[in-house]
PDB file of N, CA and C in Angstrom:
ATOM      1  N   UNK A   1     140.420 126.552 125.605  1.00  0.00           N
ATOM      2  CA  UNK A   1     140.486 127.786 124.702  1.00  0.00           C
ATOM      3  C   UNK A   1     139.609 126.590 123.496  1.00  0.00           C
ATOM      4  N   UNK A   2     139.095 127.403 122.612  1.00  0.00           N
ATOM      5  CA  UNK A   2     138.385 126.995 121.436  1.00  0.00           C
ATOM      6  C   UNK A   2     139.206 127.472 119.840  1.00  0.00           C
ATOM      7  N   UNK A   3     139.272 126.622 118.998  1.00  0.00           N
ATOM      8  CA  UNK A   3     139.621 127.186 117.625  1.00  0.00           C
ATOM      9  C   UNK A   3     138.604 127.174 116.826  1.00  0.00           C
ATOM     10  N   UNK A   4     138.618 128.588 116.312  1.00  0.00           N
ATOM     11  CA  UNK A   4     137.677 129.007 115.382  1.00  0.00           C
ATOM     12  C   UNK A   4     137.529 128.147 114.323  1.00  0.00           C
ATOM     13  N   UNK A   5     136.207 128.017 113.557  1.00  0.00           N
ATOM     14  CA  UNK A   5     135.617 127.388 112.162  1.00  0.00           C
ATOM     15  C   UNK A   5     136.028 128.439 110.997  1.00  0.00           C
ATOM     16  N   UNK A   6     136.802 127.944 110.251  1.00  0.00           N
ATOM     17  CA  UNK A   6     136.983 128.837 108.984  1.00  0.00           C
ATOM     18  C   UNK A   6     135.795 128.677 108.312  1.00  0.00           C
ATOM     19  N   UNK A   7     135.408 129.603 107.416  1.00  0.00           N
ATOM     20  CA  UNK A   7     134.620 129.621 106.456  1.00  0.00           C
ATOM     21  C   UNK A   7     134.707 130.657 104.911  1.00  0.00           C
ATOM     22  N   UNK A   8     134.478 130.140 104.048  1.00  0.00           N
ATOM     23  CA  UNK A   8     135.044 130.661 103.013  1.00  0.00           C
ATOM     24  C   UNK A   8     134.225 131.689 102.637  1.00  0.00           C
ATOM     25  N   UNK A   9     134.706 132.606 102.057  1.00  0.00           N
ATOM     26  CA  UNK A   9     134.172 134.058 101.928  1.00  0.00           C
ATOM     27  C   UNK A   9     132.784 133.698 101.058  1.00  0.00           C
ATOM     28  N   UNK A  10     132.506 132.659  99.799  1.00  0.00           N
ATOM     29  CA  UNK A  10     131.369 132.521  99.060  1.00  0.00           C
ATOM     30  C   UNK A  10     130.100 132.354 100.216  1.00  0.00           C
ATOM     31  N   UNK A  11     130.814 131.260 101.215  1.00  0.00           N
ATOM     32  CA  UNK A  11     129.505 130.829 101.883  1.00  0.00           C
ATOM     33  C   UNK A  11     129.435 132.011 103.250  1.00  0.00           C
ATOM     34  N   UNK A  12     130.343 132.816 103.387  1.00  0.00           N
ATOM     35  CA  UNK A  12     129.970 134.173 104.585  1.00  0.00           C
ATOM     36  C   UNK A  12     128.722 134.905 103.776  1.00  0.00           C
ATOM     37  N   UNK A  13     129.305 135.236 102.688  1.00  0.00           N
ATOM     38  CA  UNK A  13     128.074 135.949 102.136  1.00  0.00           C
ATOM     39  C   UNK A  13     126.954 136.163 101.816  1.00  0.00           C
ATOM     40  N   UNK A  14     126.188 136.821 102.321  1.00  0.00           N
ATOM     41  CA  UNK A  14     124.837 136.455 102.113  1.00  0.00           C
ATOM     42  C   UNK A  14     123.931 137.797 102.118  1.00  0.00           C
ATOM     43  N   UNK A  15     123.364 137.653 100.978  1.00  0.00           N
ATOM     44  CA  UNK A  15     122.378 139.000 100.686  1.00  0.00           C
ATOM     45  C   UNK A  15     121.035 138.887 100.328  1.00  0.00           C
ATOM     46  N   UNK A  16     120.685 139.894 100.381  1.00  0.00           N
ATOM     47  CA  UNK A  16     118.834 139.681 100.392  1.00  0.00           C
ATOM     48  C   UNK A  16     118.701 138.809  98.842  1.00  0.00           C
ATOM     49  N   UNK A  17     119.263 139.150  98.119  1.00  0.00           N
ATOM     50  CA  UNK A  17     118.525 138.477  96.738  1.00  0.00           C
ATOM     51  C   UNK A  17     119.210 136.948  96.634  1.00  0.00           C
ATOM     52  N   UNK A  18     119.877 136.243  97.372  1.00  0.00           N
ATOM     53  CA  UNK A  18     120.406 135.310  97.619  1.00  0.00           C
ATOM     54  C   UNK A  18     119.456 134.414  98.281  1.00  0.00           C
ATOM     55  N   UNK A  19     118.844 135.083  99.267  1.00  0.00           N
ATOM     56  CA  UNK A  19     118.242 134.512 100.407  1.00  0.00           C
ATOM     57  C   UNK A  19     116.505 134.208  99.691  1.00  0.00           C
ATOM     58  N   UNK A  20     116.472 135.030  98.811  1.00  0.00           N
ATOM     59  CA  UNK A  20     114.856 135.202  98.191  1.00  0.00           C
ATOM     60  C   UNK A  20     115.183 134.030  97.171  1.00  0.00           C
ATOM     61  N   UNK A  21     116.396 134.449  96.474  1.00  0.00           N
ATOM     62  CA  UNK A  21     116.321 133.137  95.424  1.00  0.00           C
ATOM     63  C   UNK A  21     116.439 131.768  96.307  1.00  0.00           C
ATOM     64  N   UNK A  22     116.888 131.586  96.884  1.00  0.00           N
ATOM     65  CA  UNK A  22     117.364 130.358  97.765  1.00  0.00           C
ATOM     66  C   UNK A  22     115.656 129.878  98.043  1.00  0.00           C
ATOM     67  N   UNK A  23     115.098 130.466  99.100  1.00  0.00           N
ATOM     68  CA  UNK A  23     113.587 130.392  99.430  1.00  0.00           C
ATOM     69  C   UNK A  23     112.565 129.816  98.075  1.00  0.00           C
ATOM     70  N   UNK A  24     112.589 130.937  97.247  1.00  0.00           N
ATOM     71  CA  UNK A  24     111.960 130.656  95.757  1.00  0.00           C
ATOM     72  C   UNK A  24     112.069 129.220  95.296  1.00  0.00           C
ATOM     73  N   UNK A  25     113.356 129.037  94.985  1.00  0.00           N
ATOM     74  CA  UNK A  25     113.521 127.509  94.684  1.00  0.00           C
ATOM     75  C   UNK A  25     113.272 126.188  95.361  1.00  0.00           C
ATOM     76  N   UNK A  26     112.908 126.686  96.618  1.00  0.00           N
ATOM     77  CA  UNK A  26     112.362 125.572  97.727  1.00  0.00           C
ATOM     78  C   UNK A  26     110.977 125.397  97.327  1.00  0.00           C
ATOM     79  N   UNK A  27     110.383 126.247  96.764  1.00  0.00           N
ATOM     80  CA  UNK A  27     108.967 125.994  96.421  1.00  0.00           C
ATOM     81  C   UNK A  27     108.961 125.039  95.693  1.00  0.00           C
ATOM     82  N   UNK A  28     109.806 124.879  94.649  1.00  0.00           N
ATOM     83  CA  UNK A  28     109.752 123.769  93.779  1.00  0.00           C
ATOM     84  C   UNK A  28     110.167 122.200  94.589  1.00  0.00           C
ATOM     85  N   UNK A  29     110.659 122.055  95.615  1.00  0.00           N
ATOM     86  CA  UNK A  29     111.148 121.140  96.080  1.00  0.00           C
ATOM     87  C   UNK A  29     110.326 120.733  97.801  1.00  0.00           C
ATOM     88  N   UNK A  30     109.017 121.448  98.086  1.00  0.00           N
ATOM     89  CA  UNK A  30     108.452 120.845  99.202  1.00  0.00           C
ATOM     90  C   UNK A  30     107.126 120.157  98.526  1.00  0.00           C
ATOM     91  N   UNK A  31     107.004 119.157  99.323  1.00  0.00           N
ATOM     92  CA  UNK A  31     105.451 118.599  98.471  1.00  0.00           C
ATOM     93  C   UNK A  31     104.697 118.354  99.933  1.00  0.00           C
ATOM     94  N   UNK A  32     103.457 117.985  99.435  1.00  0.00           N
ATOM     95  CA  UNK A  32     102.132 118.050 100.658  1.00  0.00           C
ATOM     96  C   UNK A  32     101.807 116.647  99.964  1.00  0.00           C
ATOM     97  N   UNK A  33     101.664 115.698 100.572  1.00  0.00           N
ATOM     98  CA  UNK A  33     100.842 114.264 100.150  1.00  0.00           C
ATOM     99  C   UNK A  33     100.016 113.647 101.140  1.00  0.00           C
ATOM    100  N   UNK A  34      99.038 113.370 100.702  1.00  0.00           N
ATOM    101  CA  UNK A  34      97.866 113.263 101.557  1.00  0.00           C
ATOM    102  C   UNK A  34      97.240 111.814 101.249  1.00  0.00           C
ATOM    103  N   UNK A  35      96.804 110.323 101.539  1.00  0.00           N
ATOM    104  CA  UNK A  35      96.267 109.437 100.971  1.00  0.00           C
ATOM    105  C   UNK A  35      94.861 108.969 102.144  1.00  0.00           C
ATOM    106  N   UNK A  36      94.357 108.988 101.612  1.00  0.00           N
ATOM    107  CA  UNK A  36      92.974 107.727 101.831  1.00  0.00           C
ATOM    108  C   UNK A  36      92.406 106.645 101.403  1.00  0.00           C
ATOM    109  N   UNK A  37      91.714 105.937 102.059  1.00  0.00           N
ATOM    110  CA  UNK A  37      91.212 104.549 101.905  1.00  0.00           C
ATOM    111  C   UNK A  37      89.924 104.853 102.176  1.00  0.00           C
ATOM    112  N   UNK A  38      89.459 103.734 100.686  1.00  0.00           N
ATOM    113  CA  UNK A  38      88.133 103.688 100.608  1.00  0.00           C
ATOM    114  C   UNK A  38      87.556 102.166 100.710  1.00  0.00           C
ATOM    115  N   UNK A  39      86.544 101.969 101.735  1.00  0.00           N
ATOM    116  CA  UNK A  39      86.477 100.511 102.107  1.00  0.00           C
ATOM    117  C   UNK A  39      85.009 100.445 101.468  1.00  0.00           C
ATOM    118  N   UNK A  40      84.630  99.697 100.769  1.00  0.00           N
ATOM    119  CA  UNK A  40      82.981  99.405 100.878  1.00  0.00           C
ATOM    120  C   UNK A  40      82.672  98.629 101.591  1.00  0.00           C
ATOM    121  N   UNK A  41      81.607  98.989 102.080  1.00  0.00           N
ATOM    122  CA  UNK A  41      81.010  98.613 103.338  1.00  0.00           C
ATOM    123  C   UNK A  41      79.547  98.832 103.017  1.00  0.00           C
ATOM    124  N   UNK A  42      78.820  97.964 102.943  1.00  0.00           N
ATOM    125  CA  UNK A  42      77.412  97.916 102.275  1.00  0.00           C
ATOM    126  C   UNK A  42      76.632  97.568 103.549  1.00  0.00           C
ATOM    127  N   UNK A  43      75.557  98.759 104.037  1.00  0.00           N
ATOM    128  CA  UNK A  43      75.004  98.067 105.737  1.00  0.00           C
ATOM    129  C   UNK A  43      73.490  97.934 104.721  1.00  0.00           C
ATOM    130  N   UNK A  44      72.808  97.302 105.580  1.00  0.00           N
ATOM    131  CA  UNK A  44      71.045  96.844 105.232  1.00  0.00           C
ATOM    132  C   UNK A  44      70.194  97.738 106.533  1.00  0.00           C
ATOM    133  N   UNK A  45      69.237  97.932 106.053  1.00  0.00           N
ATOM    134  CA  UNK A  45      68.417  98.816 107.260  1.00  0.00           C
ATOM    135  C   UNK A  45      68.063  97.412 107.837  1.00  0.00           C
ATOM    136  N   UNK A  46      68.000  96.289 107.692  1.00  0.00           N
ATOM    137  CA  UNK A  46      67.495  95.306 108.604  1.00  0.00           C
ATOM    138  C   UNK A  46      68.552  94.384 109.595  1.00  0.00           C
ATOM    139  N   UNK A  47      67.966  94.448 110.503  1.00  0.00           N
ATOM    140  CA  UNK A  47      68.516  93.866 111.784  1.00  0.00           C
ATOM    141  C   UNK A  47      67.886  92.887 112.265  1.00  0.00           C
ATOM    142  N   UNK A  48      68.737  92.162 113.361  1.00  0.00           N
ATOM    143  CA  UNK A  48      68.092  90.825 113.815  1.00  0.00           C
ATOM    144  C   UNK A  48      68.442  91.149 115.685  1.00  0.00           C
ATOM    145  N   UNK A  49      67.173  91.225 116.544  1.00  0.00           N
ATOM    146  CA  UNK A  49      67.278  91.655 118.017  1.00  0.00           C
ATOM    147  C   UNK A  49      66.131  90.703 118.657  1.00  0.00           C
ATOM    148  N   UNK A  50      66.596  90.386 119.612  1.00  0.00           N
ATOM    149  CA  UNK A  50      65.350  89.844 120.646  1.00  0.00           C
ATOM    150  C   UNK A  50      64.672  91.086 121.596  1.00  0.00           C
ATOM    151  N   UNK A  51      63.263  91.009 121.641  1.00  0.00           N
ATOM    152  CA  UNK A  51      63.005  91.964 122.248  1.00  0.00           C
ATOM    153  C   UNK A  51      63.409  92.279 123.996  1.00  0.00           C
ATOM    154  N   UNK A  52      63.691  93.500 124.063  1.00  0.00           N
ATOM    155  CA  UNK A  52      64.368  93.948 124.742  1.00  0.00           C
ATOM    156  C   UNK A  52      65.504  93.821 125.253  1.00  0.00           C
ATOM    157  N   UNK A  53      66.484  93.420 124.052  1.00  0.00           N
ATOM    158  CA  UNK A  53      67.614  93.037 124.223  1.00  0.00           C
ATOM    159  C   UNK A  53      68.827  94.500 124.199  1.00  0.00           C
ATOM    160  N   UNK A  54      69.800  94.324 124.600  1.00  0.00           N
ATOM    161  CA  UNK A  54      70.554  95.521 124.410  1.00  0.00           C
ATOM    162  C   UNK A  54      71.744  95.277 123.299  1.00  0.00           C
ATOM    163  N   UNK A  55      71.893  93.923 122.645  1.00  0.00           N
ATOM    164  CA  UNK A  55      72.646  93.223 121.909  1.00  0.00           C
ATOM    165  C   UNK A  55      71.563  93.531 120.419  1.00  0.00           C
ATOM    166  N   UNK A  56      72.557  94.011 119.319  1.00  0.00           N
ATOM    167  CA  UNK A  56      71.295  94.109 118.266  1.00  0.00           C
ATOM    168  C   UNK A  56      72.485  93.870 117.157  1.00  0.00           C
ATOM    169  N   UNK A  57      72.243  93.074 116.337  1.00  0.00           N
ATOM    170  CA  UNK A  57      72.883  92.306 115.390  1.00  0.00           C
ATOM    171  C   UNK A  57      72.350  93.001 113.900  1.00  0.00           C
ATOM    172  N   UNK A  58      73.574  93.181 113.181  1.00  0.00           N
ATOM    173  CA  UNK A  58      73.185  94.210 111.908  1.00  0.00           C
ATOM    174  C   UNK A  58      74.003  92.838 110.931  1.00  0.00           C
ATOM    175  N   UNK A  59      73.550  93.043 109.570  1.00  0.00           N
ATOM    176  CA  UNK A  59      73.657  92.066 108.617  1.00  0.00           C
ATOM    177  C   UNK A  59      74.128  92.961 107.673  1.00  0.00           C
ATOM    178  N   UNK A  60      75.698  93.016 107.141  1.00  0.00           N
ATOM    179  CA  UNK A  60      76.277  93.290 106.044  1.00  0.00           C
ATOM    180  C   UNK A  60      76.933  92.782 105.232  1.00  0.00           C
ATOM    181  N   UNK A  61      77.189  93.195 104.347  1.00  0.00           N
ATOM    182  CA  UNK A  61      77.837  92.487 102.873  1.00  0.00           C
ATOM    183  C   UNK A  61      79.119  92.942 102.484  1.00  0.00           C
ATOM    184  N   UNK A  62      79.589  91.880 102.891  1.00  0.00           N
ATOM    185  CA  UNK A  62      81.705  92.231 102.776  1.00  0.00           C
ATOM    186  C   UNK A  62      81.857  92.062 101.277  1.00  0.00           C
ATOM    187  N   UNK A  63      82.484  93.117 100.811  1.00  0.00           N
ATOM    188  CA  UNK A  63      83.311  92.757  99.025  1.00  0.00           C
ATOM    189  C   UNK A  63      84.523  92.573  99.464  1.00  0.00           C
ATOM    190  N   UNK A  64      85.185  92.865 100.249  1.00  0.00           N
ATOM    191  CA  UNK A  64      86.551  92.512 100.167  1.00  0.00           C
ATOM    192  C   UNK A  64      87.359  93.662  99.127  1.00  0.00           C
ATOM    193  N   UNK A  65      87.068  94.666  98.957  1.00  0.00           N
ATOM    194  CA  UNK A  65      87.712  95.344  97.979  1.00  0.00           C
ATOM    195  C   UNK A  65      87.844  96.703  98.679  1.00  0.00           C
ATOM    196  N   UNK A  66      89.588  97.031  98.821  1.00  0.00           N
ATOM    197  CA  UNK A  66      90.182  98.332  99.564  1.00  0.00           C
ATOM    198  C   UNK A  66      90.976  99.096  98.072  1.00  0.00           C
ATOM    199  N   UNK A  67      90.346  99.973  98.246  1.00  0.00           N
ATOM    200  CA  UNK A  67      91.276 101.093  97.231  1.00  0.00           C
ATOM    201  C   UNK A  67      91.698 102.361  97.818  1.00  0.00           C
ATOM    202  N   UNK A  68      93.282 102.600  97.837  1.00  0.00           N
ATOM    203  CA  UNK A  68      93.698 103.322  98.570  1.00  0.00           C
ATOM    204  C   UNK A  68      94.031 104.940  97.091  1.00  0.00           C
ATOM    205  N   UNK A  69      93.716 106.187  97.809  1.00  0.00           N
ATOM    206  CA  UNK A  69      93.534 107.364  96.745  1.00  0.00           C
ATOM    207  C   UNK A  69      95.460 108.095  97.382  1.00  0.00           C
ATOM    208  N   UNK A  70      96.250 108.434  96.472  1.00  0.00           N
ATOM    209  CA  UNK A  70      97.330 109.198  96.770  1.00  0.00           C
ATOM    210  C   UNK A  70      97.546 110.585  96.070  1.00  0.00           C
ATOM    211  N   UNK A  71      97.257 111.435  96.778  1.00  0.00           N
ATOM    212  CA  UNK A  71      97.553 112.677  96.291  1.00  0.00           C
ATOM    213  C   UNK A  71      98.518 113.737  96.958  1.00  0.00           C
ATOM    214  N   UNK A  72      99.176 114.221  95.801  1.00  0.00           N
ATOM    215  CA  UNK A  72     100.612 114.968  96.054  1.00  0.00           C
ATOM    216  C   UNK A  72     100.902 116.367  95.316  1.00  0.00           C
ATOM    217  N   UNK A  73     101.100 117.356  95.953  1.00  0.00           N
ATOM    218  CA  UNK A  73     101.132 118.477  95.221  1.00  0.00           C
ATOM    219  C   UNK A  73     102.360 119.493  95.823  1.00  0.00           C
ATOM    220  N   UNK A  74     103.040 119.930  95.282  1.00  0.00           N
ATOM    221  CA  UNK A  74     104.292 120.855  95.496  1.00  0.00           C
ATOM    222  C   UNK A  74     103.703 122.257  95.740  1.00  0.00           C
ATOM    223  N   UNK A  75     104.460 123.088  96.695  1.00  0.00           N
ATOM    224  CA  UNK A  75     104.129 124.331  97.296  1.00  0.00           C
ATOM    225  C   UNK A  75     104.374 125.605  96.009  1.00  0.00           C
ATOM    226  N   UNK A  76     104.633 125.438  94.986  1.00  0.00           N
ATOM    227  CA  UNK A  76     104.341 126.079  93.907  1.00  0.00           C
ATOM    228  C   UNK A  76     102.925 125.939  92.960  1.00  0.00           C
ATOM    229  N   UNK A  77     102.566 124.843  93.399  1.00  0.00           N
ATOM    230  CA  UNK A  77     101.047 124.704  92.873  1.00  0.00           C
ATOM    231  C   UNK A  77     100.948 123.241  91.958  1.00  0.00           C
ATOM    232  N   UNK A  78     102.201 122.805  91.412  1.00  0.00           N
ATOM    233  CA  UNK A  78     102.609 121.557  90.518  1.00  0.00           C
ATOM    234  C   UNK A  78     101.580 120.687  91.191  1.00  0.00           C
ATOM    235  N   UNK A  79     100.758 119.785  90.700  1.00  0.00           N
ATOM    236  CA  UNK A  79      99.869 118.876  91.256  1.00  0.00           C
ATOM    237  C   UNK A  79     100.438 117.451  90.420  1.00  0.00           C
ATOM    238  N   UNK A  80     100.878 116.498  91.010  1.00  0.00           N
ATOM    239  CA  UNK A  80     101.400 115.084  90.737  1.00  0.00           C
ATOM    240  C   UNK A  80      99.878 114.500  90.315  1.00  0.00           C
ATOM    241  N   UNK A  81      99.745 113.294  89.351  1.00  0.00           N
ATOM    242  CA  UNK A  81      98.653 112.726  88.711  1.00  0.00           C
ATOM    243  C   UNK A  81      98.579 111.962  90.346  1.00  0.00           C
ATOM    244  N   UNK A  82      97.005 111.728  90.235  1.00  0.00           N
ATOM    245  CA  UNK A  82      96.817 110.713  91.535  1.00  0.00           C
ATOM    246  C   UNK A  82      97.359 109.172  91.430  1.00  0.00           C
ATOM    247  N   UNK A  83      97.508 108.787  92.491  1.00  0.00           N
ATOM    248  CA  UNK A  83      98.323 107.322  92.368  1.00  0.00           C
ATOM    249  C   UNK A  83      97.303 106.181  92.872  1.00  0.00           C
ATOM    250  N   UNK A  84      96.653 105.445  92.186  1.00  0.00           N
ATOM    251  CA  UNK A  84      95.752 104.545  92.887  1.00  0.00           C
ATOM    252  C   UNK A  84      96.426 103.239  93.599  1.00  0.00           C
ATOM    253  N   UNK A  85      95.924 102.889  94.372  1.00  0.00           N
ATOM    254  CA  UNK A  85      96.418 101.864  95.157  1.00  0.00           C
ATOM    255  C   UNK A  85      95.382 100.528  95.251  1.00  0.00           C
ATOM    256  N   UNK A  86      95.418  99.519  94.631  1.00  0.00           N
ATOM    257  CA  UNK A  86      94.411  98.447  94.674  1.00  0.00           C
ATOM    258  C   UNK A  86      94.990  97.278  95.540  1.00  0.00           C
ATOM    259  N   UNK A  87      94.278  96.117  95.510  1.00  0.00           N
ATOM    260  CA  UNK A  87      94.909  95.066  96.204  1.00  0.00           C
ATOM    261  C   UNK A  87      95.688  94.247  95.182  1.00  0.00           C
ATOM    262  N   UNK A  88      96.939  93.326  95.834  1.00  0.00           N
ATOM    263  CA  UNK A  88      97.856  92.795  95.037  1.00  0.00           C
ATOM    264  C   UNK A  88      97.316  91.753  93.410  1.00  0.00           C
ATOM    265  N   UNK A  89      96.639  92.461  92.861  1.00  0.00           N
ATOM    266  CA  UNK A  89      95.954  91.613  91.828  1.00  0.00           C
ATOM    267  C   UNK A  89      96.232  92.497  90.305  1.00  0.00           C
ATOM    268  N   UNK A  90      96.517  92.141  89.516  1.00  0.00           N
ATOM    269  CA  UNK A  90      96.960  92.572  88.029  1.00  0.00           C
ATOM    270  C   UNK A  90      95.805  93.367  87.716  1.00  0.00           C
ATOM    271  N   UNK A  91      95.554  94.561  87.469  1.00  0.00           N
ATOM    272  CA  UNK A  91      95.065  95.718  86.861  1.00  0.00           C
ATOM    273  C   UNK A  91      94.965  95.525  85.356  1.00  0.00           C
ATOM    274  N   UNK A  92      94.080  95.707  84.739  1.00  0.00           N
ATOM    275  CA  UNK A  92      94.046  95.730  83.043  1.00  0.00           C
ATOM    276  C   UNK A  92      94.244  97.103  82.880  1.00  0.00           C
ATOM    277  N   UNK A  93      95.290  97.402  82.027  1.00  0.00           N
ATOM    278  CA  UNK A  93      95.650  98.663  81.884  1.00  0.00           C
ATOM    279  C   UNK A  93      94.632  99.374  81.192  1.00  0.00           C
ATOM    280  N   UNK A  94      93.527  99.025  80.745  1.00  0.00           N
ATOM    281  CA  UNK A  94      92.449  99.659  79.911  1.00  0.00           C
ATOM    282  C   UNK A  94      91.668 100.000  80.641  1.00  0.00           C
ATOM    283  N   UNK A  95      91.760  99.763  81.788  1.00  0.00           N
ATOM    284  CA  UNK A  95      90.602 100.126  82.944  1.00  0.00           C
ATOM    285  C   UNK A  95      90.740 101.737  83.206  1.00  0.00           C
ATOM    286  N   UNK A  96      92.363 101.784  83.273  1.00  0.00           N
ATOM    287  CA  UNK A  96      92.932 103.188  83.855  1.00  0.00           C
ATOM    288  C   UNK A  96      92.882 104.001  82.579  1.00  0.00           C
ATOM    289  N   UNK A  97      92.633 103.801  80.979  1.00  0.00           N
ATOM    290  CA  UNK A  97      93.063 104.518  80.467  1.00  0.00           C
ATOM    291  C   UNK A  97      91.412 105.234  79.944  1.00  0.00           C
ATOM    292  N   UNK A  98      90.198 104.940  80.605  1.00  0.00           N
ATOM    293  CA  UNK A  98      89.489 105.730  80.940  1.00  0.00           C
ATOM    294  C   UNK A  98      87.862 105.454  79.840  1.00  0.00           C
TER     295      UNK A  98
END
């Protein structure tokens, strides 16, 4: 035999306006976030290969620069400013001011 769980009257009373206001307030609390990485990779059109070989080598210039951009938006349309993640170096604040 099981015992019933008691609920307060305020928690047990659900009406249409209460449900609508609850889900309307959720719009400000639901966010969608996406991040993308930008890696600089410059390829040249010149390549080295022996005639008839299946191995083709291409020369590239590696710069070791990696930038990640994070964008975040709420369900109600509020847009947070983008977040730029750069390698672990100190960045001059004047660069970000534009």
